[in-house]
Protein backbone atom coordinates (compact mmCIF):
# COMPACT_ATOMS: atom_id res chain seq x y z
CA MET A 1 9.00 -29.79 12.38
CA SER A 2 11.13 -26.68 12.93
CA LYS A 3 10.05 -23.26 11.79
CA PRO A 4 12.08 -21.69 8.98
CA ALA A 5 14.18 -18.69 9.95
CA PRO A 6 12.36 -15.41 9.37
CA LEU A 7 13.43 -13.43 6.34
CA VAL A 8 15.27 -10.20 6.96
CA ALA A 9 15.73 -7.33 4.52
CA TYR A 10 19.11 -5.67 4.11
CA ARG A 11 19.54 -2.10 2.94
CA LEU A 12 22.62 -1.79 0.76
CA LYS A 13 24.33 1.20 -0.78
CA VAL A 14 26.05 0.24 -4.02
CA SER A 15 28.34 2.88 -5.51
CA LEU A 16 30.64 3.15 -8.49
CA ARG A 17 34.28 3.94 -7.76
CA ASP A 18 36.49 6.53 -9.43
CA ILE A 19 33.69 8.49 -11.06
CA SER A 20 32.50 12.04 -10.48
CA PRO A 21 29.82 12.86 -9.67
CA MET A 22 29.32 9.78 -7.54
CA ILE A 23 26.78 7.30 -8.90
CA TRP A 24 25.08 5.05 -6.39
CA ARG A 25 21.90 3.10 -5.70
CA ARG A 26 20.18 2.21 -2.45
CA LEU A 27 18.85 -1.36 -2.60
CA LEU A 28 16.57 -3.32 -0.30
CA VAL A 29 17.23 -7.05 -0.67
CA ARG A 30 16.04 -10.19 1.07
CA SER A 31 18.35 -12.04 3.44
CA ASP A 32 18.06 -15.25 1.44
CA LEU A 33 19.33 -13.64 -1.77
CA THR A 34 22.26 -15.49 -3.33
CA LEU A 35 25.35 -13.74 -4.64
CA PHE A 36 24.12 -14.48 -8.16
CA GLY A 37 20.77 -12.94 -7.21
CA LEU A 38 22.55 -9.84 -5.89
CA HIS A 39 24.47 -9.65 -9.16
CA ARG A 40 21.17 -9.66 -11.07
CA VAL A 41 19.66 -6.98 -8.77
CA ILE A 42 22.68 -4.71 -9.33
CA GLN A 43 22.48 -5.22 -13.10
CA ILE A 44 18.84 -4.13 -13.06
CA ALA A 45 19.35 -1.23 -10.62
CA PHE A 46 22.03 0.34 -12.80
CA GLY A 47 20.32 -0.47 -16.09
CA TRP A 48 23.21 -2.68 -17.20
CA GLU A 49 23.05 -5.58 -19.60
CA ASP A 50 25.61 -7.86 -17.93
CA TYR A 51 28.70 -6.49 -19.67
CA HIS A 52 30.14 -4.10 -17.05
CA LEU A 53 33.16 -5.16 -15.01
CA HIS A 54 32.37 -5.15 -11.29
CA ALA A 55 33.52 -6.67 -8.04
CA PHE A 56 31.89 -7.11 -4.64
CA LYS A 57 33.47 -5.39 -1.62
CA VAL A 58 31.82 -5.88 1.76
CA VAL A 59 32.15 -3.00 4.23
CA ASP A 60 30.74 -3.16 7.76
CA CYS A 61 28.99 0.18 8.34
CA ARG A 62 27.60 -0.51 11.79
């Protein structure tokens, strides 16, 4: 039986565009989080109730 891959945590910075002052949240999420799960985390982090328009944009910050 093979061992499951170890979980990794990702640190994400989620920011709102075209708003001043800038509004952002730093999130720590598990590597096995689904896109739907990430959606739910963002809703909670910003205090939203699932009615704000948003889109995902991936930026490599390495």
